[in-house]
Amino acid sequence: MNLLIYPRLGTPSRRAMKKIKGRFGQPYEYRPRFNLVERLSEELGITPAQVLDLIEAEREFLIKSRV
């Protein structure tokens, strides 16, 4: 898979994107900040909804490829 979003993220966002469990072993739900989505939509020239779809697809790929 060609990653478009992940290389453009900072370290804290990358760690949050790969995170699976939260506090006390609860499932972690990744919700990107609005500023990040806006910045990425301007950089890539696509809509914020498309950015969110790309983030979701890349996150799923990263979690599945994790060993």
PDB file of N, CA and C in Angstrom:
ATOM      1  N   MET A   1       0.850  -1.187   0.000  1.00  0.00           N
ATOM      2  CA  MET A   1       0.000   0.000   0.000  1.00  0.00           C
ATOM      3  C   MET A   1       0.890   1.243   0.000  1.00  0.00           C
ATOM      4  N   ASN A   2       0.513   2.218  -0.778  1.00  0.00           N
ATOM      5  CA  ASN A   2       1.244   3.473  -0.852  1.00  0.00           C
ATOM      6  C   ASN A   2       0.731   4.413   0.243  1.00  0.00           C
ATOM      7  N   LEU A   3       1.578   4.719   1.217  1.00  0.00           N
ATOM      8  CA  LEU A   3       1.183   5.570   2.337  1.00  0.00           C
ATOM      9  C   LEU A   3       1.379   7.039   1.965  1.00  0.00           C
ATOM     10  N   LEU A   4       0.295   7.806   1.983  1.00  0.00           N
ATOM     11  CA  LEU A   4       0.348   9.232   1.692  1.00  0.00           C
ATOM     12  C   LEU A   4       0.318  10.069   2.961  1.00  0.00           C
ATOM     13  N   ILE A   5      -0.468   9.652   3.928  1.00  0.00           N
ATOM     14  CA  ILE A   5      -0.694  10.434   5.137  1.00  0.00           C
ATOM     15  C   ILE A   5       0.414  10.206   6.168  1.00  0.00           C
ATOM     16  N   TYR A   6       0.735   8.952   6.431  1.00  0.00           N
ATOM     17  CA  TYR A   6       1.645   8.591   7.516  1.00  0.00           C
ATOM     18  C   TYR A   6       2.999   9.305   7.460  1.00  0.00           C
ATOM     19  N   PRO A   7       3.644   9.419   6.283  1.00  0.00           N
ATOM     20  CA  PRO A   7       4.946  10.122   6.251  1.00  0.00           C
ATOM     21  C   PRO A   7       4.847  11.611   6.576  1.00  0.00           C
ATOM     22  N   ARG A   8       3.675  12.193   6.448  1.00  0.00           N
ATOM     23  CA  ARG A   8       3.493  13.626   6.702  1.00  0.00           C
ATOM     24  C   ARG A   8       3.148  13.934   8.157  1.00  0.00           C
ATOM     25  N   LEU A   9       3.022  12.911   8.999  1.00  0.00           N
ATOM     26  CA  LEU A   9       2.647  13.103  10.399  1.00  0.00           C
ATOM     27  C   LEU A   9       3.880  13.310  11.271  1.00  0.00           C
ATOM     28  N   GLY A  10       3.675  13.979  12.393  1.00  0.00           N
ATOM     29  CA  GLY A  10       4.719  14.110  13.393  1.00  0.00           C
ATOM     30  C   GLY A  10       4.774  12.858  14.257  1.00  0.00           C
ATOM     31  N   THR A  11       5.759  12.783  15.119  1.00  0.00           N
ATOM     32  CA  THR A  11       5.958  11.595  15.945  1.00  0.00           C
ATOM     33  C   THR A  11       4.761  11.280  16.844  1.00  0.00           C
ATOM     34  N   PRO A  12       4.187  12.242  17.581  1.00  0.00           N
ATOM     35  CA  PRO A  12       3.038  11.897  18.428  1.00  0.00           C
ATOM     36  C   PRO A  12       1.840  11.381  17.631  1.00  0.00           C
ATOM     37  N   SER A  13       1.598  11.962  16.470  1.00  0.00           N
ATOM     38  CA  SER A  13       0.483  11.504  15.636  1.00  0.00           C
ATOM     39  C   SER A  13       0.742  10.106  15.087  1.00  0.00           C
ATOM     40  N   ARG A  14       1.998   9.823  14.745  1.00  0.00           N
ATOM     41  CA  ARG A  14       2.337   8.484  14.251  1.00  0.00           C
ATOM     42  C   ARG A  14       2.111   7.441  15.348  1.00  0.00           C
ATOM     43  N   ARG A  15       2.529   7.757  16.543  1.00  0.00           N
ATOM     44  CA  ARG A  15       2.342   6.819  17.657  1.00  0.00           C
ATOM     45  C   ARG A  15       0.859   6.604  17.942  1.00  0.00           C
ATOM     46  N   ALA A  16       0.085   7.682  17.903  1.00  0.00           N
ATOM     47  CA  ALA A  16      -1.351   7.567  18.163  1.00  0.00           C
ATOM     48  C   ALA A  16      -2.036   6.756  17.067  1.00  0.00           C
ATOM     49  N   MET A  17      -1.569   6.893  15.838  1.00  0.00           N
ATOM     50  CA  MET A  17      -2.185   6.180  14.729  1.00  0.00           C
ATOM     51  C   MET A  17      -1.965   4.670  14.829  1.00  0.00           C
ATOM     52  N   LYS A  18      -0.821   4.262  15.385  1.00  0.00           N
ATOM     53  CA  LYS A  18      -0.523   2.835  15.510  1.00  0.00           C
ATOM     54  C   LYS A  18      -1.038   2.220  16.806  1.00  0.00           C
ATOM     55  N   LYS A  19      -1.562   3.058  17.693  1.00  0.00           N
ATOM     56  CA  LYS A  19      -1.983   2.589  19.009  1.00  0.00           C
ATOM     57  C   LYS A  19      -3.239   1.724  18.901  1.00  0.00           C
ATOM     58  N   ILE A  20      -3.272   0.624  19.677  1.00  0.00           N
ATOM     59  CA  ILE A  20      -4.392  -0.307  19.643  1.00  0.00           C
ATOM     60  C   ILE A  20      -5.190  -0.257  20.940  1.00  0.00           C
ATOM     61  N   LYS A  21      -4.482  -0.222  22.070  1.00  0.00           N
ATOM     62  CA  LYS A  21      -5.151  -0.233  23.365  1.00  0.00           C
ATOM     63  C   LYS A  21      -4.905   1.068  24.111  1.00  0.00           C
ATOM     64  N   GLY A  22      -5.915   1.496  24.839  1.00  0.00           N
ATOM     65  CA  GLY A  22      -5.803   2.693  25.655  1.00  0.00           C
ATOM     66  C   GLY A  22      -5.570   2.323  27.109  1.00  0.00           C
ATOM     67  N   ARG A  23      -5.995   3.203  27.990  1.00  0.00           N
ATOM     68  CA  ARG A  23      -5.844   2.947  29.420  1.00  0.00           C
ATOM     69  C   ARG A  23      -6.652   1.733  29.844  1.00  0.00           C
ATOM     70  N   PHE A  24      -6.099   0.960  30.731  1.00  0.00           N
ATOM     71  CA  PHE A  24      -6.756  -0.210  31.311  1.00  0.00           C
ATOM     72  C   PHE A  24      -7.139  -1.247  30.259  1.00  0.00           C
ATOM     73  N   GLY A  25      -6.440  -1.283  29.137  1.00  0.00           N
ATOM     74  CA  GLY A  25      -6.671  -2.299  28.115  1.00  0.00           C
ATOM     75  C   GLY A  25      -7.897  -2.067  27.254  1.00  0.00           C
ATOM     76  N   GLN A  26      -8.498  -0.912  27.342  1.00  0.00           N
ATOM     77  CA  GLN A  26      -9.679  -0.617  26.531  1.00  0.00           C
ATOM     78  C   GLN A  26      -9.246  -0.357  25.080  1.00  0.00           C
ATOM     79  N   PRO A  27     -10.100  -0.678  24.119  1.00  0.00           N
ATOM     80  CA  PRO A  27      -9.754  -0.393  22.718  1.00  0.00           C
ATOM     81  C   PRO A  27      -9.561   1.103  22.498  1.00  0.00           C
ATOM     82  N   TYR A  28      -8.556   1.455  21.697  1.00  0.00           N
ATOM     83  CA  TYR A  28      -8.230   2.850  21.434  1.00  0.00           C
ATOM     84  C   TYR A  28      -8.911   3.300  20.154  1.00  0.00           C
ATOM     85  N   GLU A  29      -9.611   4.407  20.218  1.00  0.00           N
ATOM     86  CA  GLU A  29     -10.269   4.970  19.044  1.00  0.00           C
ATOM     87  C   GLU A  29      -9.480   6.199  18.607  1.00  0.00           C
ATOM     88  N   TYR A  30      -8.858   6.125  17.436  1.00  0.00           N
ATOM     89  CA  TYR A  30      -8.044   7.233  16.938  1.00  0.00           C
ATOM     90  C   TYR A  30      -8.944   8.289  16.310  1.00  0.00           C
ATOM     91  N   ARG A  31      -8.878   9.498  16.835  1.00  0.00           N
ATOM     92  CA  ARG A  31      -9.626  10.625  16.291  1.00  0.00           C
ATOM     93  C   ARG A  31      -8.644  11.761  16.019  1.00  0.00           C
ATOM     94  N   PRO A  32      -8.295  11.993  14.741  1.00  0.00           N
ATOM     95  CA  PRO A  32      -7.332  13.052  14.426  1.00  0.00           C
ATOM     96  C   PRO A  32      -7.918  14.431  14.710  1.00  0.00           C
ATOM     97  N   ARG A  33      -7.052  15.350  15.049  1.00  0.00           N
ATOM     98  CA  ARG A  33      -7.485  16.720  15.331  1.00  0.00           C
ATOM     99  C   ARG A  33      -7.865  17.428  14.030  1.00  0.00           C
ATOM    100  N   PHE A  34      -8.757  18.397  14.176  1.00  0.00           N
ATOM    101  CA  PHE A  34      -9.266  19.127  13.025  1.00  0.00           C
ATOM    102  C   PHE A  34      -8.143  19.854  12.286  1.00  0.00           C
ATOM    103  N   ASN A  35      -7.188  20.431  13.030  1.00  0.00           N
ATOM    104  CA  ASN A  35      -6.079  21.149  12.403  1.00  0.00           C
ATOM    105  C   ASN A  35      -5.251  20.218  11.514  1.00  0.00           C
ATOM    106  N   LEU A  36      -5.039  19.000  11.964  1.00  0.00           N
ATOM    107  CA  LEU A  36      -4.279  18.025  11.186  1.00  0.00           C
ATOM    108  C   LEU A  36      -5.015  17.686   9.896  1.00  0.00           C
ATOM    109  N   VAL A  37      -6.306  17.449   9.993  1.00  0.00           N
ATOM    110  CA  VAL A  37      -7.099  17.105   8.805  1.00  0.00           C
ATOM    111  C   VAL A  37      -7.098  18.263   7.809  1.00  0.00           C
ATOM    112  N   GLU A  38      -7.251  19.473   8.297  1.00  0.00           N
ATOM    113  CA  GLU A  38      -7.239  20.648   7.423  1.00  0.00           C
ATOM    114  C   GLU A  38      -5.880  20.819   6.741  1.00  0.00           C
ATOM    115  N   ARG A  39      -4.807  20.665   7.494  1.00  0.00           N
ATOM    116  CA  ARG A  39      -3.463  20.815   6.928  1.00  0.00           C
ATOM    117  C   ARG A  39      -3.215  19.777   5.844  1.00  0.00           C
ATOM    118  N   LEU A  40      -3.592  18.532   6.129  1.00  0.00           N
ATOM    119  CA  LEU A  40      -3.368  17.470   5.147  1.00  0.00           C
ATOM    120  C   LEU A  40      -4.233  17.659   3.909  1.00  0.00           C
ATOM    121  N   SER A  41      -5.459  18.158   4.066  1.00  0.00           N
ATOM    122  CA  SER A  41      -6.321  18.373   2.902  1.00  0.00           C
ATOM    123  C   SER A  41      -5.744  19.477   2.015  1.00  0.00           C
ATOM    124  N   GLU A  42      -5.143  20.503   2.616  1.00  0.00           N
ATOM    125  CA  GLU A  42      -4.515  21.562   1.825  1.00  0.00           C
ATOM    126  C   GLU A  42      -3.251  21.060   1.134  1.00  0.00           C
ATOM    127  N   GLU A  43      -2.448  20.259   1.839  1.00  0.00           N
ATOM    128  CA  GLU A  43      -1.204  19.733   1.259  1.00  0.00           C
ATOM    129  C   GLU A  43      -1.477  18.803   0.084  1.00  0.00           C
ATOM    130  N   LEU A  44      -2.472  17.930   0.259  1.00  0.00           N
ATOM    131  CA  LEU A  44      -2.751  16.923  -0.764  1.00  0.00           C
ATOM    132  C   LEU A  44      -3.745  17.388  -1.816  1.00  0.00           C
ATOM    133  N   GLY A  45      -4.473  18.482  -1.542  1.00  0.00           N
ATOM    134  CA  GLY A  45      -5.448  18.994  -2.491  1.00  0.00           C
ATOM    135  C   GLY A  45      -6.702  18.149  -2.596  1.00  0.00           C
ATOM    136  N   ILE A  46      -7.096  17.540  -1.480  1.00  0.00           N
ATOM    137  CA  ILE A  46      -8.315  16.731  -1.446  1.00  0.00           C
ATOM    138  C   ILE A  46      -9.214  17.226  -0.312  1.00  0.00           C
ATOM    139  N   THR A  47     -10.438  16.730  -0.256  1.00  0.00           N
ATOM    140  CA  THR A  47     -11.384  17.181   0.755  1.00  0.00           C
ATOM    141  C   THR A  47     -11.055  16.557   2.118  1.00  0.00           C
ATOM    142  N   PRO A  48     -11.503  17.195   3.203  1.00  0.00           N
ATOM    143  CA  PRO A  48     -11.280  16.614   4.543  1.00  0.00           C
ATOM    144  C   PRO A  48     -11.897  15.225   4.706  1.00  0.00           C
ATOM    145  N   ALA A  49     -13.030  14.972   4.067  1.00  0.00           N
ATOM    146  CA  ALA A  49     -13.647  13.641   4.152  1.00  0.00           C
ATOM    147  C   ALA A  49     -12.746  12.585   3.515  1.00  0.00           C
ATOM    148  N   GLN A  50     -12.109  12.929   2.410  1.00  0.00           N
ATOM    149  CA  GLN A  50     -11.194  11.998   1.759  1.00  0.00           C
ATOM    150  C   GLN A  50      -9.954  11.770   2.614  1.00  0.00           C
ATOM    151  N   VAL A  51      -9.503  12.819   3.309  1.00  0.00           N
ATOM    152  CA  VAL A  51      -8.358  12.677   4.217  1.00  0.00           C
ATOM    153  C   VAL A  51      -8.704  11.701   5.331  1.00  0.00           C
ATOM    154  N   LEU A  52      -9.889  11.832   5.909  1.00  0.00           N
ATOM    155  CA  LEU A  52     -10.308  10.926   6.979  1.00  0.00           C
ATOM    156  C   LEU A  52     -10.400   9.489   6.486  1.00  0.00           C
ATOM    157  N   ASP A  53     -10.882   9.294   5.256  1.00  0.00           N
ATOM    158  CA  ASP A  53     -10.935   7.946   4.683  1.00  0.00           C
ATOM    159  C   ASP A  53      -9.533   7.379   4.478  1.00  0.00           C
ATOM    160  N   LEU A  54      -8.611   8.209   4.004  1.00  0.00           N
ATOM    161  CA  LEU A  54      -7.224   7.765   3.830  1.00  0.00           C
ATOM    162  C   LEU A  54      -6.584   7.410   5.165  1.00  0.00           C
ATOM    163  N   ILE A  55      -6.835   8.238   6.175  1.00  0.00           N
ATOM    164  CA  ILE A  55      -6.282   7.966   7.506  1.00  0.00           C
ATOM    165  C   ILE A  55      -6.803   6.633   8.028  1.00  0.00           C
ATOM    166  N   GLU A  56      -8.080   6.397   7.864  1.00  0.00           N
ATOM    167  CA  GLU A  56      -8.678   5.143   8.332  1.00  0.00           C
ATOM    168  C   GLU A  56      -8.074   3.943   7.607  1.00  0.00           C
ATOM    169  N   ALA A  57      -7.906   4.049   6.295  1.00  0.00           N
ATOM    170  CA  ALA A  57      -7.349   2.939   5.516  1.00  0.00           C
ATOM    171  C   ALA A  57      -5.888   2.686   5.890  1.00  0.00           C
ATOM    172  N   GLU A  58      -5.110   3.765   6.041  1.00  0.00           N
ATOM    173  CA  GLU A  58      -3.698   3.601   6.392  1.00  0.00           C
ATOM    174  C   GLU A  58      -3.543   3.061   7.807  1.00  0.00           C
ATOM    175  N   ARG A  59      -4.389   3.498   8.710  1.00  0.00           N
ATOM    176  CA  ARG A  59      -4.327   2.994  10.089  1.00  0.00           C
ATOM    177  C   ARG A  59      -4.623   1.497  10.119  1.00  0.00           C
ATOM    178  N   GLU A  60      -5.636   1.087   9.367  1.00  0.00           N
ATOM    179  CA  GLU A  60      -5.975  -0.341   9.300  1.00  0.00           C
ATOM    180  C   GLU A  60      -4.811  -1.141   8.721  1.00  0.00           C
ATOM    181  N   PHE A  61      -4.169  -0.616   7.678  1.00  0.00           N
ATOM    182  CA  PHE A  61      -3.016  -1.299   7.074  1.00  0.00           C
ATOM    183  C   PHE A  61      -1.862  -1.396   8.073  1.00  0.00           C
ATOM    184  N   LEU A  62      -1.567  -0.299   8.787  1.00  0.00           N
ATOM    185  CA  LEU A  62      -0.461  -0.298   9.742  1.00  0.00           C
ATOM    186  C   LEU A  62      -0.707  -1.284  10.887  1.00  0.00           C
ATOM    187  N   ILE A  63      -1.923  -1.361  11.362  1.00  0.00           N
ATOM    188  CA  ILE A  63      -2.243  -2.269  12.462  1.00  0.00           C
ATOM    189  C   ILE A  63      -2.158  -3.718  11.992  1.00  0.00           C
ATOM    190  N   LYS A  64      -2.648  -3.998  10.784  1.00  0.00           N
ATOM    191  CA  LYS A  64      -2.602  -5.362  10.260  1.00  0.00           C
ATOM    192  C   LYS A  64      -1.181  -5.807   9.958  1.00  0.00           C
ATOM    193  N   SER A  65      -0.332  -4.899   9.502  1.00  0.00           N
ATOM    194  CA  SER A  65       1.039  -5.275   9.168  1.00  0.00           C
ATOM    195  C   SER A  65       1.958  -5.309  10.376  1.00  0.00           C
ATOM    196  N   ARG A  66       1.438  -4.898  11.512  1.00  0.00           N
ATOM    197  CA  ARG A  66       2.213  -4.906  12.755  1.00  0.00           C
ATOM    198  C   ARG A  66       2.398  -6.329  13.254  1.00  0.00           C
ATOM    199  N   VAL A  67       3.573  -6.645  13.709  1.00  0.00           N
ATOM    200  CA  VAL A  67       3.838  -8.019  14.169  1.00  0.00           C
ATOM    201  C   VAL A  67       3.856  -8.065  15.681  1.00  0.00           C
TER     202      VAL A  67
END
